[in-house]
All heavy atoms as atom14 arrays in JSON, in Angstrom:
{
  "sequence": "KPEDTAVYYCAADRHTPLLQFRLCSTRDFGSWGQGTQVTVSS",
  "atom14_mask": [
    [1, 1, 1, 1, 1, 1, 1, 1, 1, 0, 0, 0, 0, 0],
    [1, 1, 1, 1, 1, 1, 1, 0, 0, 0, 0, 0, 0, 0],
    [1, 1, 1, 1, 1, 1, 1, 1, 1, 0, 0, 0, 0, 0],
    [1, 1, 1, 1, 1, 1, 1, 1, 0, 0, 0, 0, 0, 0],
    [1, 1, 1, 1, 1, 1, 1, 0, 0, 0, 0, 0, 0, 0],
    [1, 1, 1, 1, 1, 0, 0, 0, 0, 0, 0, 0, 0, 0],
    [1, 1, 1, 1, 1, 1, 1, 0, 0, 0, 0, 0, 0, 0],
    [1, 1, 1, 1, 1, 1, 1, 1, 1, 1, 1, 1, 0, 0],
    [1, 1, 1, 1, 1, 1, 1, 1, 1, 1, 1, 1, 0, 0],
    [1, 1, 1, 1, 1, 1, 0, 0, 0, 0, 0, 0, 0, 0],
    [1, 1, 1, 1, 1, 0, 0, 0, 0, 0, 0, 0, 0, 0],
    [1, 1, 1, 1, 1, 0, 0, 0, 0, 0, 0, 0, 0, 0],
    [1, 1, 1, 1, 1, 1, 1, 1, 0, 0, 0, 0, 0, 0],
    [1, 1, 1, 1, 1, 1, 1, 1, 1, 1, 1, 0, 0, 0],
    [1, 1, 1, 1, 1, 1, 1, 1, 1, 1, 0, 0, 0, 0],
    [1, 1, 1, 1, 1, 1, 1, 0, 0, 0, 0, 0, 0, 0],
    [1, 1, 1, 1, 1, 1, 1, 0, 0, 0, 0, 0, 0, 0],
    [1, 1, 1, 1, 1, 1, 1, 1, 0, 0, 0, 0, 0, 0],
    [1, 1, 1, 1, 1, 1, 1, 1, 0, 0, 0, 0, 0, 0],
    [1, 1, 1, 1, 1, 1, 1, 1, 1, 0, 0, 0, 0, 0],
    [1, 1, 1, 1, 1, 1, 1, 1, 1, 1, 1, 0, 0, 0],
    [1, 1, 1, 1, 1, 1, 1, 1, 1, 1, 1, 0, 0, 0],
    [1, 1, 1, 1, 1, 1, 1, 1, 0, 0, 0, 0, 0, 0],
    [1, 1, 1, 1, 1, 1, 0, 0, 0, 0, 0, 0, 0, 0],
    [1, 1, 1, 1, 1, 1, 0, 0, 0, 0, 0, 0, 0, 0],
    [1, 1, 1, 1, 1, 1, 1, 0, 0, 0, 0, 0, 0, 0],
    [1, 1, 1, 1, 1, 1, 1, 1, 1, 1, 1, 0, 0, 0],
    [1, 1, 1, 1, 1, 1, 1, 1, 0, 0, 0, 0, 0, 0],
    [1, 1, 1, 1, 1, 1, 1, 1, 1, 1, 1, 0, 0, 0],
    [1, 1, 1, 1, 0, 0, 0, 0, 0, 0, 0, 0, 0, 0],
    [1, 1, 1, 1, 1, 1, 0, 0, 0, 0, 0, 0, 0, 0],
    [1, 1, 1, 1, 1, 1, 1, 1, 1, 1, 1, 1, 1, 1],
    [1, 1, 1, 1, 0, 0, 0, 0, 0, 0, 0, 0, 0, 0],
    [1, 1, 1, 1, 1, 1, 1, 1, 1, 0, 0, 0, 0, 0],
    [1, 1, 1, 1, 0, 0, 0, 0, 0, 0, 0, 0, 0, 0],
    [1, 1, 1, 1, 1, 1, 1, 0, 0, 0, 0, 0, 0, 0],
    [1, 1, 1, 1, 1, 1, 1, 1, 1, 0, 0, 0, 0, 0],
    [1, 1, 1, 1, 1, 1, 1, 0, 0, 0, 0, 0, 0, 0],
    [1, 1, 1, 1, 1, 1, 1, 0, 0, 0, 0, 0, 0, 0],
    [1, 1, 1, 1, 1, 1, 1, 0, 0, 0, 0, 0, 0, 0],
    [1, 1, 1, 1, 1, 1, 0, 0, 0, 0, 0, 0, 0, 0],
    [1, 1, 1, 1, 1, 1, 0, 0, 0, 0, 0, 0, 0, 0]
  ],
  "atom14_positions": [
    [[11.81, -0.76, 11.73], [12.23, 0.45, 12.4], [10.99, 1.16, 12.97], [9.87, 0.97, 12.42], [12.94, 1.39, 11.45], [14.13, 0.76, 10.73], [14.68, 1.77, 9.67], [15.84, 1.13, 8.9], [16.41, 2.09, 7.86], [0.0, 0.0, 0.0], [0.0, 0.0, 0.0], [0.0, 0.0, 0.0], [0.0, 0.0, 0.0], [0.0, 0.0, 0.0]],
    [[11.17, 2.0, 13.98], [9.99, 2.76, 14.48], [9.29, 3.53, 13.41], [8.02, 3.67, 13.43], [10.61, 3.66, 15.51], [11.81, 2.88, 15.96], [12.35, 2.18, 14.79], [0.0, 0.0, 0.0], [0.0, 0.0, 0.0], [0.0, 0.0, 0.0], [0.0, 0.0, 0.0], [0.0, 0.0, 0.0], [0.0, 0.0, 0.0], [0.0, 0.0, 0.0]],
    [[9.97, 4.05, 12.4], [9.34, 4.8, 11.36], [8.5, 3.96, 10.42], [7.83, 4.51, 9.51], [10.39, 5.6, 10.57], [11.54, 4.78, 10.08], [12.75, 4.92, 11.0], [12.59, 4.87, 12.24], [13.89, 5.05, 10.47], [0.0, 0.0, 0.0], [0.0, 0.0, 0.0], [0.0, 0.0, 0.0], [0.0, 0.0, 0.0], [0.0, 0.0, 0.0]],
    [[8.54, 2.61, 10.57], [7.66, 1.75, 9.77], [6.27, 1.63, 10.4], [5.4, 1.03, 9.8], [8.27, 0.35, 9.66], [9.57, 0.35, 8.87], [9.63, 0.99, 7.83], [10.5, -0.37, 9.32], [0.0, 0.0, 0.0], [0.0, 0.0, 0.0], [0.0, 0.0, 0.0], [0.0, 0.0, 0.0], [0.0, 0.0, 0.0], [0.0, 0.0, 0.0]],
    [[6.09, 2.25, 11.55], [4.81, 2.18, 12.25], [3.76, 2.9, 11.45], [3.92, 4.04, 11.02], [4.93, 2.86, 13.61], [5.81, 2.07, 14.41], [3.59, 2.94, 14.31], [0.0, 0.0, 0.0], [0.0, 0.0, 0.0], [0.0, 0.0, 0.0], [0.0, 0.0, 0.0], [0.0, 0.0, 0.0], [0.0, 0.0, 0.0], [0.0, 0.0, 0.0]],
    [[2.7, 2.17, 11.13], [1.6, 2.71, 10.25], [0.49, 1.68, 10.19], [0.68, 0.53, 10.57], [2.11, 3.06, 8.87], [0.0, 0.0, 0.0], [0.0, 0.0, 0.0], [0.0, 0.0, 0.0], [0.0, 0.0, 0.0], [0.0, 0.0, 0.0], [0.0, 0.0, 0.0], [0.0, 0.0, 0.0], [0.0, 0.0, 0.0], [0.0, 0.0, 0.0]],
    [[-0.61, 2.09, 9.59], [-1.59, 1.09, 9.11], [-1.2, 0.67, 7.7], [-1.0, 1.51, 6.87], [-3.01, 1.7, 9.17], [-4.06, 0.7, 8.62], [-3.4, 2.17, 10.59], [0.0, 0.0, 0.0], [0.0, 0.0, 0.0], [0.0, 0.0, 0.0], [0.0, 0.0, 0.0], [0.0, 0.0, 0.0], [0.0, 0.0, 0.0], [0.0, 0.0, 0.0]],
    [[-1.13, -0.61, 7.5], [-0.78, -1.14, 6.2], [-2.01, -1.68, 5.49], [-2.8, -2.4, 6.05], [0.25, -2.25, 6.41], [1.62, -1.73, 6.68], [1.91, -1.21, 7.94], [2.7, -1.8, 5.76], [3.19, -0.65, 8.21], [3.94, -1.33, 6.04], [4.17, -0.75, 7.24], [5.45, -0.21, 7.56], [0.0, 0.0, 0.0], [0.0, 0.0, 0.0]],
    [[-2.1, -1.29, 4.22], [-3.21, -1.66, 3.39], [-2.72, -2.4, 2.16], [-1.69, -2.08, 1.6], [-3.98, -0.41, 2.91], [-4.53, 0.46, 3.97], [-3.78, 1.5, 4.48], [-5.83, 0.32, 4.36], [-4.3, 2.35, 5.48], [-6.38, 1.16, 5.36], [-5.6, 2.19, 5.9], [-6.11, 2.97, 6.84], [0.0, 0.0, 0.0], [0.0, 0.0, 0.0]],
    [[-3.5, -3.37, 1.74], [-3.24, -3.98, 0.4], [-4.31, -3.5, -0.52], [-5.43, -3.19, -0.11], [-3.13, -5.49, 0.47], [-4.63, -6.38, 0.73], [0.0, 0.0, 0.0], [0.0, 0.0, 0.0], [0.0, 0.0, 0.0], [0.0, 0.0, 0.0], [0.0, 0.0, 0.0], [0.0, 0.0, 0.0], [0.0, 0.0, 0.0], [0.0, 0.0, 0.0]],
    [[-3.94, -3.43, -1.78], [-4.85, -2.99, -2.85], [-4.62, -3.81, -4.07], [-3.56, -4.35, -4.29], [-4.61, -1.5, -3.11], [0.0, 0.0, 0.0], [0.0, 0.0, 0.0], [0.0, 0.0, 0.0], [0.0, 0.0, 0.0], [0.0, 0.0, 0.0], [0.0, 0.0, 0.0], [0.0, 0.0, 0.0], [0.0, 0.0, 0.0], [0.0, 0.0, 0.0]],
    [[-5.62, -3.87, -4.93], [-5.55, -4.65, -6.17], [-6.25, -3.96, -7.32], [-7.16, -3.16, -7.13], [-6.26, -6.04, -5.91], [0.0, 0.0, 0.0], [0.0, 0.0, 0.0], [0.0, 0.0, 0.0], [0.0, 0.0, 0.0], [0.0, 0.0, 0.0], [0.0, 0.0, 0.0], [0.0, 0.0, 0.0], [0.0, 0.0, 0.0], [0.0, 0.0, 0.0]],
    [[-5.72, -4.22, -8.51], [-6.38, -3.75, -9.7], [-5.88, -4.57, -10.89], [-4.75, -5.05, -10.88], [-6.11, -2.23, -9.93], [-7.26, -1.55, -10.64], [-7.45, -1.85, -11.84], [-7.95, -0.8, -10.0], [0.0, 0.0, 0.0], [0.0, 0.0, 0.0], [0.0, 0.0, 0.0], [0.0, 0.0, 0.0], [0.0, 0.0, 0.0], [0.0, 0.0, 0.0]],
    [[-6.69, -4.66, -11.93], [-6.27, -5.35, -13.15], [-5.57, -4.44, -14.14], [-4.88, -4.95, -15.01], [-7.45, -6.03, -13.8], [-8.14, -7.1, -12.93], [-9.17, -7.88, -13.68], [-8.64, -8.65, -14.81], [-9.28, -9.58, -15.43], [-10.51, -9.93, -15.03], [-8.73, -10.24, -16.44], [0.0, 0.0, 0.0], [0.0, 0.0, 0.0], [0.0, 0.0, 0.0]],
    [[-5.79, -3.16, -13.95], [-5.18, -2.18, -14.86], [-4.31, -1.2, -14.1], [-4.84, -0.38, -13.36], [-6.28, -1.46, -15.65], [-5.8, -0.52, -16.67], [-4.97, -0.85, -17.71], [-5.98, 0.84, -16.77], [-4.69, 0.19, -18.45], [-5.27, 1.23, -17.88], [0.0, 0.0, 0.0], [0.0, 0.0, 0.0], [0.0, 0.0, 0.0], [0.0, 0.0, 0.0]],
    [[-3.01, -1.35, -14.24], [-2.08, -0.55, -13.43], [-1.05, 0.11, -14.33], [0.13, -0.3, -14.35], [-1.43, -1.4, -12.36], [-0.85, -2.56, -12.99], [-2.44, -1.85, -11.31], [0.0, 0.0, 0.0], [0.0, 0.0, 0.0], [0.0, 0.0, 0.0], [0.0, 0.0, 0.0], [0.0, 0.0, 0.0], [0.0, 0.0, 0.0], [0.0, 0.0, 0.0]],
    [[-1.43, 1.13, -15.02], [-0.47, 1.74, -16.0], [0.79, 2.33, -15.36], [1.86, 2.28, -15.91], [-1.35, 2.79, -16.68], [-2.47, 3.07, -15.74], [-2.71, 1.77, -15.07], [0.0, 0.0, 0.0], [0.0, 0.0, 0.0], [0.0, 0.0, 0.0], [0.0, 0.0, 0.0], [0.0, 0.0, 0.0], [0.0, 0.0, 0.0], [0.0, 0.0, 0.0]],
    [[0.62, 2.9, -14.13], [1.81, 3.48, -13.5], [2.81, 2.46, -13.11], [4.01, 2.69, -13.11], [1.33, 4.31, -12.29], [0.48, 5.54, -12.62], [0.04, 6.21, -11.36], [1.21, 6.51, -13.49], [0.0, 0.0, 0.0], [0.0, 0.0, 0.0], [0.0, 0.0, 0.0], [0.0, 0.0, 0.0], [0.0, 0.0, 0.0], [0.0, 0.0, 0.0]],
    [[2.35, 1.23, -12.75], [3.24, 0.17, -12.33], [4.14, -0.22, -13.51], [5.28, -0.65, -13.31], [2.46, -0.98, -11.83], [3.29, -2.2, -11.27], [4.29, -1.72, -10.21], [2.39, -3.29, -10.75], [0.0, 0.0, 0.0], [0.0, 0.0, 0.0], [0.0, 0.0, 0.0], [0.0, 0.0, 0.0], [0.0, 0.0, 0.0], [0.0, 0.0, 0.0]],
    [[3.61, -0.05, -14.75], [4.43, -0.38, -15.92], [5.64, 0.56, -16.01], [6.58, 0.25, -16.69], [3.57, -0.32, -17.16], [2.42, -1.33, -17.22], [1.57, -1.19, -18.43], [2.05, -0.9, -19.53], [0.27, -1.39, -18.25], [0.0, 0.0, 0.0], [0.0, 0.0, 0.0], [0.0, 0.0, 0.0], [0.0, 0.0, 0.0], [0.0, 0.0, 0.0]],
    [[5.49, 1.78, -15.38], [6.6, 2.69, -15.33], [7.35, 2.6, -14.02], [8.02, 3.52, -13.6], [6.13, 4.1, -15.6], [5.58, 4.3, -17.0], [4.26, 4.15, -17.25], [6.46, 4.63, -18.02], [3.77, 4.35, -18.59], [6.01, 4.85, -19.28], [4.65, 4.68, -19.57], [0.0, 0.0, 0.0], [0.0, 0.0, 0.0], [0.0, 0.0, 0.0]],
    [[7.13, 1.48, -13.3], [7.81, 1.17, -12.04], [7.45, 2.25, -10.97], [8.34, 2.68, -10.18], [9.31, 1.07, -12.23], [9.72, -0.04, -13.2], [11.15, -0.4, -13.12], [11.53, -0.91, -11.82], [11.32, -2.13, -11.39], [10.75, -3.0, -12.2], [11.74, -2.48, -10.18], [0.0, 0.0, 0.0], [0.0, 0.0, 0.0], [0.0, 0.0, 0.0]],
    [[6.18, 2.63, -10.96], [5.65, 3.49, -9.89], [4.61, 2.73, -9.09], [3.73, 2.12, -9.66], [5.01, 4.74, -10.52], [5.96, 5.67, -11.22], [5.18, 6.79, -11.91], [6.99, 6.27, -10.31], [0.0, 0.0, 0.0], [0.0, 0.0, 0.0], [0.0, 0.0, 0.0], [0.0, 0.0, 0.0], [0.0, 0.0, 0.0], [0.0, 0.0, 0.0]],
    [[4.78, 2.74, -7.82], [3.83, 2.04, -6.91], [2.95, 3.15, -6.32], [3.32, 3.8, -5.3], [4.64, 1.32, -5.83], [3.63, 0.34, -4.73], [0.0, 0.0, 0.0], [0.0, 0.0, 0.0], [0.0, 0.0, 0.0], [0.0, 0.0, 0.0], [0.0, 0.0, 0.0], [0.0, 0.0, 0.0], [0.0, 0.0, 0.0], [0.0, 0.0, 0.0]],
    [[1.83, 3.43, -7.0], [1.03, 4.59, -6.69], [-0.4, 4.2, -6.33], [-0.96, 3.3, -6.91], [0.95, 5.52, -7.88], [0.01, 6.55, -7.72], [0.0, 0.0, 0.0], [0.0, 0.0, 0.0], [0.0, 0.0, 0.0], [0.0, 0.0, 0.0], [0.0, 0.0, 0.0], [0.0, 0.0, 0.0], [0.0, 0.0, 0.0], [0.0, 0.0, 0.0]],
    [[-1.0, 4.88, -5.34], [-2.4, 4.64, -4.98], [-3.33, 4.88, -6.16], [-4.43, 4.3, -6.25], [-2.83, 5.56, -3.83], [-2.66, 6.93, -4.22], [-2.02, 5.32, -2.58], [0.0, 0.0, 0.0], [0.0, 0.0, 0.0], [0.0, 0.0, 0.0], [0.0, 0.0, 0.0], [0.0, 0.0, 0.0], [0.0, 0.0, 0.0], [0.0, 0.0, 0.0]],
    [[-2.93, 5.69, -7.08], [-3.78, 6.03, -8.23], [-4.06, 4.86, -9.16], [-4.98, 4.87, -9.93], [-3.15, 7.19, -9.04], [-3.17, 8.52, -8.3], [-2.56, 9.63, -9.16], [-1.13, 9.47, -9.27], [-0.36, 10.15, -10.09], [-0.88, 11.07, -10.89], [0.97, 9.97, -10.14], [0.0, 0.0, 0.0], [0.0, 0.0, 0.0], [0.0, 0.0, 0.0]],
    [[-3.22, 3.83, -9.04], [-3.38, 2.66, -9.89], [-4.42, 1.68, -9.37], [-4.89, 0.81, -10.07], [-2.08, 1.88, -10.03], [-1.35, 2.1, -11.37], [-1.93, 2.8, -12.19], [-0.24, 1.57, -11.49], [0.0, 0.0, 0.0], [0.0, 0.0, 0.0], [0.0, 0.0, 0.0], [0.0, 0.0, 0.0], [0.0, 0.0, 0.0], [0.0, 0.0, 0.0]],
    [[-4.81, 1.8, -8.1], [-5.53, 0.72, -7.41], [-6.97, 1.16, -7.02], [-7.11, 2.19, -6.36], [-4.76, 0.24, -6.22], [-3.43, -0.43, -6.62], [-2.28, 0.3, -6.72], [-3.4, -1.78, -6.94], [-1.09, -0.27, -7.11], [-2.22, -2.36, -7.35], [-1.06, -1.62, -7.42], [0.0, 0.0, 0.0], [0.0, 0.0, 0.0], [0.0, 0.0, 0.0]],
    [[-7.92, 0.3, -7.31], [-9.3, 0.62, -7.04], [-9.95, -0.2, -5.95], [-10.96, 0.24, -5.39], [0.0, 0.0, 0.0], [0.0, 0.0, 0.0], [0.0, 0.0, 0.0], [0.0, 0.0, 0.0], [0.0, 0.0, 0.0], [0.0, 0.0, 0.0], [0.0, 0.0, 0.0], [0.0, 0.0, 0.0], [0.0, 0.0, 0.0], [0.0, 0.0, 0.0]],
    [[-9.36, -1.34, -5.61], [-9.91, -2.13, -4.54], [-8.96, -2.22, -3.33], [-7.78, -2.45, -3.56], [-10.16, -3.61, -5.06], [-11.12, -3.6, -6.09], [0.0, 0.0, 0.0], [0.0, 0.0, 0.0], [0.0, 0.0, 0.0], [0.0, 0.0, 0.0], [0.0, 0.0, 0.0], [0.0, 0.0, 0.0], [0.0, 0.0, 0.0], [0.0, 0.0, 0.0]],
    [[-9.51, -1.91, -2.16], [-8.68, -1.78, -0.97], [-9.2, -2.64, 0.16], [-10.4, -2.83, 0.31], [-8.63, -0.33, -0.55], [-7.9, 0.53, -1.5], [-8.38, 1.08, -2.66], [-6.58, 1.0, -1.39], [-7.44, 1.84, -3.28], [-6.29, 1.8, -2.53], [-5.56, 0.8, -0.46], [-5.07, 2.42, -2.75], [-4.31, 1.4, -0.68], [-4.06, 2.21, -1.8]],
    [[-8.25, -3.09, 0.98], [-8.61, -3.75, 2.24], [-8.83, -2.73, 3.3], [-8.66, -1.54, 3.13], [0.0, 0.0, 0.0], [0.0, 0.0, 0.0], [0.0, 0.0, 0.0], [0.0, 0.0, 0.0], [0.0, 0.0, 0.0], [0.0, 0.0, 0.0], [0.0, 0.0, 0.0], [0.0, 0.0, 0.0], [0.0, 0.0, 0.0], [0.0, 0.0, 0.0]],
    [[-9.16, -3.23, 4.49], [-9.42, -2.35, 5.68], [-8.12, -1.95, 6.43], [-8.23, -1.02, 7.26], [-10.41, -3.04, 6.62], [-11.76, -3.28, 6.0], [-12.44, -1.97, 5.59], [-12.61, -1.05, 6.41], [-12.86, -1.87, 4.34], [0.0, 0.0, 0.0], [0.0, 0.0, 0.0], [0.0, 0.0, 0.0], [0.0, 0.0, 0.0], [0.0, 0.0, 0.0]],
    [[-7.07, -2.64, 6.19], [-5.8, -2.25, 6.87], [-5.49, -3.1, 8.05], [-6.4, -3.61, 8.74], [0.0, 0.0, 0.0], [0.0, 0.0, 0.0], [0.0, 0.0, 0.0], [0.0, 0.0, 0.0], [0.0, 0.0, 0.0], [0.0, 0.0, 0.0], [0.0, 0.0, 0.0], [0.0, 0.0, 0.0], [0.0, 0.0, 0.0], [0.0, 0.0, 0.0]],
    [[-4.24, -3.16, 8.39], [-3.77, -3.84, 9.59], [-2.65, -2.96, 10.27], [-1.79, -2.42, 9.55], [-3.25, -5.25, 9.29], [-2.87, -5.89, 10.52], [-2.06, -5.27, 8.36], [0.0, 0.0, 0.0], [0.0, 0.0, 0.0], [0.0, 0.0, 0.0], [0.0, 0.0, 0.0], [0.0, 0.0, 0.0], [0.0, 0.0, 0.0], [0.0, 0.0, 0.0]],
    [[-2.73, -2.82, 11.54], [-1.81, -1.91, 12.24], [-0.46, -2.59, 12.47], [-0.44, -3.74, 12.94], [-2.41, -1.5, 13.58], [-1.5, -0.65, 14.44], [-1.3, 0.77, 13.87], [-2.26, 1.39, 13.5], [-0.03, 1.2, 13.87], [0.0, 0.0, 0.0], [0.0, 0.0, 0.0], [0.0, 0.0, 0.0], [0.0, 0.0, 0.0], [0.0, 0.0, 0.0]],
    [[0.58, -1.9, 12.15], [1.95, -2.35, 12.47], [2.56, -1.32, 13.37], [2.66, -0.15, 13.03], [2.8, -2.55, 11.22], [4.26, -2.83, 11.56], [2.22, -3.68, 10.38], [0.0, 0.0, 0.0], [0.0, 0.0, 0.0], [0.0, 0.0, 0.0], [0.0, 0.0, 0.0], [0.0, 0.0, 0.0], [0.0, 0.0, 0.0], [0.0, 0.0, 0.0]],
    [[3.0, -1.73, 14.57], [3.67, -0.84, 15.51], [5.04, -1.37, 15.85], [5.22, -2.5, 16.3], [2.82, -0.7, 16.77], [1.52, -0.2, 16.44], [3.5, 0.31, 17.75], [0.0, 0.0, 0.0], [0.0, 0.0, 0.0], [0.0, 0.0, 0.0], [0.0, 0.0, 0.0], [0.0, 0.0, 0.0], [0.0, 0.0, 0.0], [0.0, 0.0, 0.0]],
    [[6.05, -0.51, 15.65], [7.43, -0.94, 15.95], [7.89, -0.07, 17.07], [8.08, 1.14, 16.92], [8.33, -0.77, 14.7], [9.73, -1.25, 15.01], [7.73, -1.43, 13.48], [0.0, 0.0, 0.0], [0.0, 0.0, 0.0], [0.0, 0.0, 0.0], [0.0, 0.0, 0.0], [0.0, 0.0, 0.0], [0.0, 0.0, 0.0], [0.0, 0.0, 0.0]],
    [[8.08, -0.68, 18.2], [8.39, 0.07, 19.4], [9.06, -0.87, 20.43], [8.7, -2.08, 20.5], [7.12, 0.68, 20.0], [7.43, 1.31, 21.21], [0.0, 0.0, 0.0], [0.0, 0.0, 0.0], [0.0, 0.0, 0.0], [0.0, 0.0, 0.0], [0.0, 0.0, 0.0], [0.0, 0.0, 0.0], [0.0, 0.0, 0.0], [0.0, 0.0, 0.0]],
    [[9.93, -0.34, 21.21], [10.54, -1.08, 22.28], [9.83, -0.81, 23.58], [10.13, -1.44, 24.62], [12.04, -0.69, 22.46], [12.18, 0.71, 22.65], [0.0, 0.0, 0.0], [0.0, 0.0, 0.0], [0.0, 0.0, 0.0], [0.0, 0.0, 0.0], [0.0, 0.0, 0.0], [0.0, 0.0, 0.0], [0.0, 0.0, 0.0], [0.0, 0.0, 0.0]]
  ]
}
């Protein structure tokens, strides 16, 4: 959808306490990629 338009980043960490509570939070992740642009438009 057009509202999916954004820069998408992946992140990694070995210790993700919030994920154990089924939260997908930036606070869990310490290593980040540079991002890739996704644009949804007609």
